Amino acid sequence: MNINPELRSALISKTNLPKLPRIAKLGLAIALATICSNAALAADRTSEAGKQQFMDYCAVCHGEAANGGGPLGNALSKAPPDLTALAKNNGGDFPFMKVYDSIDGRELPNAHGARDMPVWGGSWKQGSTLGSETALRGRILELIIYLRSIQQ
């Protein structure tokens, strides 16, 4: 987990800490370390969940390495893109909303003909036991977090 350098400096600087007993400072340090490690663990679990979704739903077209070389990719009218180069192809910035909208697919116009990629937003929402928009967004975000983690 990346912490703003100024915030980190303020948190560990002796001059910025109030006059607390040594045991209170130790407790504060342990609490901060626990929060940071729990956040990192949650991010790892989210990325793993996204990877599993990718393997279950996307790898057949985009390939297990996400480079567009899946076994069904050749059968499509347009080759699947290399998903490891999304940021590189967007000036170094990961195109979050474009990726989100492409995965969801419910709001994209069909002005240029039918799309080869499934509309996962509709499928995942209908297939959800909760059937909620919140659960659907969670699945999409897990997948995006994984895709962001494999950028080259």
C-alpha atoms as a PDB file:
ATOM      1  CA  MET A   1       0.000   0.000   0.000  1.00  0.00           C
ATOM      2  CA  ASN A   2       1.430   3.375  -0.987  1.00  0.00           C
ATOM      3  CA  ILE A   3       1.212   6.096   1.639  1.00  0.00           C
ATOM      4  CA  ASN A   4       1.673   9.738   0.789  1.00  0.00           C
ATOM      5  CA  PRO A   5       5.306  10.555   1.735  1.00  0.00           C
ATOM      6  CA  GLU A   6       4.295  13.704   3.634  1.00  0.00           C
ATOM      7  CA  LEU A   7       1.672  11.792   5.620  1.00  0.00           C
ATOM      8  CA  ARG A   8       4.117   9.003   6.343  1.00  0.00           C
ATOM      9  CA  SER A   9       6.733  11.502   7.499  1.00  0.00           C
ATOM     10  CA  ALA A  10       4.211  13.180   9.776  1.00  0.00           C
ATOM     11  CA  LEU A  11       3.105   9.834  11.194  1.00  0.00           C
ATOM     12  CA  ILE A  12       6.611   8.685  12.080  1.00  0.00           C
ATOM     13  CA  SER A  13       8.162  12.026  12.995  1.00  0.00           C
ATOM     14  CA  LYS A  14       8.805  12.353  16.719  1.00  0.00           C
ATOM     15  CA  THR A  15       8.188  16.085  16.605  1.00  0.00           C
ATOM     16  CA  ASN A  16       4.667  15.678  15.204  1.00  0.00           C
ATOM     17  CA  LEU A  17       3.535  13.131  17.767  1.00  0.00           C
ATOM     18  CA  PRO A  18       1.738  14.436  20.812  1.00  0.00           C
ATOM     19  CA  LYS A  19       3.335  13.808  24.185  1.00  0.00           C
ATOM     20  CA  LEU A  20       2.153  10.247  24.730  1.00  0.00           C
ATOM     21  CA  PRO A  21       3.497   7.543  26.975  1.00  0.00           C
ATOM     22  CA  ARG A  22       5.834   5.141  25.191  1.00  0.00           C
ATOM     23  CA  ILE A  23       3.243   2.321  25.417  1.00  0.00           C
ATOM     24  CA  ALA A  24       0.617   4.508  23.700  1.00  0.00           C
ATOM     25  CA  LYS A  25       3.052   5.290  20.882  1.00  0.00           C
ATOM     26  CA  LEU A  26       3.773   1.587  20.505  1.00  0.00           C
ATOM     27  CA  GLY A  27       0.037   0.835  20.400  1.00  0.00           C
ATOM     28  CA  LEU A  28      -0.454   3.510  17.760  1.00  0.00           C
ATOM     29  CA  ALA A  29       2.376   2.080  15.655  1.00  0.00           C
ATOM     30  CA  ILE A  30       0.936  -1.450  15.915  1.00  0.00           C
ATOM     31  CA  ALA A  31      -2.537  -0.217  14.967  1.00  0.00           C
ATOM     32  CA  LEU A  32      -1.184   1.652  11.941  1.00  0.00           C
ATOM     33  CA  ALA A  33       0.838  -1.374  10.808  1.00  0.00           C
ATOM     34  CA  THR A  34      -2.234  -3.611  11.179  1.00  0.00           C
ATOM     35  CA  ILE A  35      -4.401  -1.259   9.138  1.00  0.00           C
ATOM     36  CA  CYS A  36      -1.802  -1.065   6.349  1.00  0.00           C
ATOM     37  CA  SER A  37      -1.238  -4.833   6.248  1.00  0.00           C
ATOM     38  CA  ASN A  38      -4.995  -5.527   6.241  1.00  0.00           C
ATOM     39  CA  ALA A  39      -5.470  -3.106   3.342  1.00  0.00           C
ATOM     40  CA  ALA A  40      -2.669  -4.813   1.392  1.00  0.00           C
ATOM     41  CA  LEU A  41      -4.164  -8.242   2.126  1.00  0.00           C
ATOM     42  CA  ALA A  42      -7.595  -7.077   0.964  1.00  0.00           C
ATOM     43  CA  ALA A  43      -6.080  -5.721  -2.266  1.00  0.00           C
ATOM     44  CA  ASP A  44      -4.315  -9.069  -2.871  1.00  0.00           C
ATOM     45  CA  ARG A  45      -7.566 -10.997  -2.317  1.00  0.00           C
ATOM     46  CA  THR A  46      -9.461  -8.654  -4.630  1.00  0.00           C
ATOM     47  CA  SER A  47      -6.838  -9.086  -7.336  1.00  0.00           C
ATOM     48  CA  GLU A  48      -6.972 -12.876  -6.917  1.00  0.00           C
ATOM     49  CA  ALA A  49     -10.779 -12.823  -7.233  1.00  0.00           C
ATOM     50  CA  GLY A  50     -10.409 -10.719 -10.372  1.00  0.00           C
ATOM     51  CA  LYS A  51      -7.837 -13.137 -11.782  1.00  0.00           C
ATOM     52  CA  GLN A  52     -10.209 -16.041 -11.201  1.00  0.00           C
ATOM     53  CA  GLN A  53     -12.997 -14.181 -13.000  1.00  0.00           C
ATOM     54  CA  PHE A  54     -10.626 -13.421 -15.850  1.00  0.00           C
ATOM     55  CA  MET A  55      -9.704 -17.100 -16.182  1.00  0.00           C
ATOM     56  CA  ASP A  56     -13.371 -18.148 -16.003  1.00  0.00           C
ATOM     57  CA  TYR A  57     -14.847 -15.599 -18.411  1.00  0.00           C
ATOM     58  CA  CYS A  58     -12.154 -13.813 -20.420  1.00  0.00           C
ATOM     59  CA  ALA A  59      -9.174 -16.100 -21.026  1.00  0.00           C
ATOM     60  CA  VAL A  60     -10.961 -18.135 -23.683  1.00  0.00           C
ATOM     61  CA  CYS A  61     -10.753 -15.114 -26.004  1.00  0.00           C
ATOM     62  CA  HIS A  62      -8.022 -12.929 -24.499  1.00  0.00           C
ATOM     63  CA  GLY A  63      -5.704 -15.797 -23.505  1.00  0.00           C
ATOM     64  CA  GLU A  64      -4.485 -16.790 -20.048  1.00  0.00           C
ATOM     65  CA  ALA A  65      -1.674 -14.239 -20.367  1.00  0.00           C
ATOM     66  CA  ALA A  66      -4.282 -11.605 -21.382  1.00  0.00           C
ATOM     67  CA  ASN A  67      -2.314 -10.828 -24.547  1.00  0.00           C
ATOM     68  CA  GLY A  68      -5.171 -11.564 -26.959  1.00  0.00           C
ATOM     69  CA  GLY A  69      -4.104 -15.101 -27.799  1.00  0.00           C
ATOM     70  CA  GLY A  70      -7.026 -17.138 -26.471  1.00  0.00           C
ATOM     71  CA  PRO A  71      -8.236 -20.280 -28.250  1.00  0.00           C
ATOM     72  CA  LEU A  72     -11.449 -18.602 -29.484  1.00  0.00           C
ATOM     73  CA  GLY A  73      -9.755 -15.328 -30.450  1.00  0.00           C
ATOM     74  CA  ASN A  74      -9.217 -16.414 -34.054  1.00  0.00           C
ATOM     75  CA  ALA A  75     -12.931 -17.136 -34.506  1.00  0.00           C
ATOM     76  CA  LEU A  76     -13.909 -13.540 -33.794  1.00  0.00           C
ATOM     77  CA  SER A  77     -14.418 -10.891 -36.467  1.00  0.00           C
ATOM     78  CA  LYS A  78     -11.989  -8.600 -34.607  1.00  0.00           C
ATOM     79  CA  ALA A  79      -8.962  -9.932 -32.726  1.00  0.00           C
ATOM     80  CA  PRO A  80      -9.171  -9.494 -28.939  1.00  0.00           C
ATOM     81  CA  PRO A  81      -6.838  -6.752 -27.696  1.00  0.00           C
ATOM     82  CA  ASP A  82      -3.741  -7.259 -25.598  1.00  0.00           C
ATOM     83  CA  LEU A  83      -5.097  -6.392 -22.157  1.00  0.00           C
ATOM     84  CA  THR A  84      -1.601  -6.084 -20.675  1.00  0.00           C
ATOM     85  CA  ALA A  85      -0.985  -2.996 -22.824  1.00  0.00           C
ATOM     86  CA  LEU A  86      -4.090  -0.967 -21.980  1.00  0.00           C
ATOM     87  CA  ALA A  87      -2.173   1.658 -19.997  1.00  0.00           C
ATOM     88  CA  LYS A  88       0.717   1.722 -22.475  1.00  0.00           C
ATOM     89  CA  ASN A  89      -1.703   2.294 -25.352  1.00  0.00           C
ATOM     90  CA  ASN A  90      -3.375   5.093 -23.390  1.00  0.00           C
ATOM     91  CA  GLY A  91      -0.315   7.281 -22.781  1.00  0.00           C
ATOM     92  CA  GLY A  92       0.667   5.435 -19.591  1.00  0.00           C
ATOM     93  CA  ASP A  93      -2.680   5.897 -17.832  1.00  0.00           C
ATOM     94  CA  PHE A  94      -4.938   2.927 -17.200  1.00  0.00           C
ATOM     95  CA  PRO A  95      -8.250   3.755 -18.970  1.00  0.00           C
ATOM     96  CA  PHE A  96     -10.483   2.800 -16.028  1.00  0.00           C
ATOM     97  CA  MET A  97     -13.850   4.026 -17.334  1.00  0.00           C
ATOM     98  CA  LYS A  98     -13.290   2.688 -20.841  1.00  0.00           C
ATOM     99  CA  VAL A  99     -12.421  -0.733 -19.420  1.00  0.00           C
ATOM    100  CA  TYR A 100     -15.378  -0.616 -17.007  1.00  0.00           C
ATOM    101  CA  ASP A 101     -17.802   0.298 -19.799  1.00  0.00           C
ATOM    102  CA  SER A 102     -16.353  -2.370 -22.110  1.00  0.00           C
ATOM    103  CA  ILE A 103     -16.805  -5.097 -19.505  1.00  0.00           C
ATOM    104  CA  ASP A 104     -20.258  -3.925 -18.413  1.00  0.00           C
ATOM    105  CA  GLY A 105     -21.372  -3.359 -22.014  1.00  0.00           C
ATOM    106  CA  ARG A 106     -24.927  -2.297 -21.198  1.00  0.00           C
ATOM    107  CA  GLU A 107     -24.424   1.377 -22.083  1.00  0.00           C
ATOM    108  CA  LEU A 108     -22.312   1.050 -25.230  1.00  0.00           C
ATOM    109  CA  PRO A 109     -23.976   2.029 -28.506  1.00  0.00           C
ATOM    110  CA  ASN A 110     -24.093  -0.496 -31.350  1.00  0.00           C
ATOM    111  CA  ALA A 111     -23.334   2.180 -33.934  1.00  0.00           C
ATOM    112  CA  HIS A 112     -20.501   0.152 -35.451  1.00  0.00           C
ATOM    113  CA  GLY A 113     -22.263  -3.204 -35.650  1.00  0.00           C
ATOM    114  CA  ALA A 114     -22.500  -6.097 -33.257  1.00  0.00           C
ATOM    115  CA  ARG A 115     -19.832  -6.550 -30.647  1.00  0.00           C
ATOM    116  CA  ASP A 116     -17.988  -9.827 -30.236  1.00  0.00           C
ATOM    117  CA  MET A 117     -17.457  -9.338 -26.511  1.00  0.00           C
ATOM    118  CA  PRO A 118     -20.335 -10.468 -24.301  1.00  0.00           C
ATOM    119  CA  VAL A 119     -22.326  -7.895 -22.357  1.00  0.00           C
ATOM    120  CA  TRP A 120     -21.148  -9.078 -18.949  1.00  0.00           C
ATOM    121  CA  GLY A 121     -23.117  -6.418 -17.085  1.00  0.00           C
ATOM    122  CA  GLY A 122     -26.423  -7.926 -18.121  1.00  0.00           C
ATOM    123  CA  SER A 123     -25.318 -11.550 -17.789  1.00  0.00           C
ATOM    124  CA  TRP A 124     -23.679 -11.172 -14.390  1.00  0.00           C
ATOM    125  CA  LYS A 125     -26.556  -9.130 -12.962  1.00  0.00           C
ATOM    126  CA  GLN A 126     -29.166 -11.654 -14.094  1.00  0.00           C
ATOM    127  CA  GLY A 127     -27.054 -14.580 -12.876  1.00  0.00           C
ATOM    128  CA  SER A 128     -26.441 -13.052  -9.447  1.00  0.00           C
ATOM    129  CA  THR A 129     -28.262 -14.561  -6.510  1.00  0.00           C
ATOM    130  CA  LEU A 130     -28.435 -11.032  -5.136  1.00  0.00           C
ATOM    131  CA  GLY A 131     -29.407  -9.557  -8.503  1.00  0.00           C
ATOM    132  CA  SER A 132     -28.106  -6.210  -7.388  1.00  0.00           C
ATOM    133  CA  GLU A 133     -26.252  -3.485  -9.211  1.00  0.00           C
ATOM    134  CA  THR A 134     -23.848  -3.278  -6.263  1.00  0.00           C
ATOM    135  CA  ALA A 135     -22.841  -6.948  -6.568  1.00  0.00           C
ATOM    136  CA  LEU A 136     -22.381  -6.519 -10.319  1.00  0.00           C
ATOM    137  CA  ARG A 137     -20.149  -3.472  -9.845  1.00  0.00           C
ATOM    138  CA  GLY A 138     -18.087  -5.396  -7.310  1.00  0.00           C
ATOM    139  CA  ARG A 139     -17.412  -8.173  -9.822  1.00  0.00           C
ATOM    140  CA  ILE A 140     -16.446  -5.696 -12.518  1.00  0.00           C
ATOM    141  CA  LEU A 141     -14.156  -3.815 -10.139  1.00  0.00           C
ATOM    142  CA  GLU A 142     -12.419  -7.041  -9.063  1.00  0.00           C
ATOM    143  CA  LEU A 143     -11.710  -7.797 -12.701  1.00  0.00           C
ATOM    144  CA  ILE A 144     -10.455  -4.263 -13.352  1.00  0.00           C
ATOM    145  CA  ILE A 145      -8.152  -4.399 -10.331  1.00  0.00           C
ATOM    146  CA  TYR A 146      -6.641  -7.599 -11.746  1.00  0.00           C
ATOM    147  CA  LEU A 147      -6.285  -6.090 -15.232  1.00  0.00           C
ATOM    148  CA  ARG A 148      -4.617  -3.022 -13.774  1.00  0.00           C
ATOM    149  CA  SER A 149      -2.171  -5.243 -11.882  1.00  0.00           C
ATOM    150  CA  ILE A 150      -0.937  -6.961 -15.089  1.00  0.00           C
ATOM    151  CA  GLN A 151      -0.139  -3.814 -17.073  1.00  0.00           C
ATOM    152  CA  GLN A 152       3.309  -3.739 -18.674  1.00  0.00           C
END
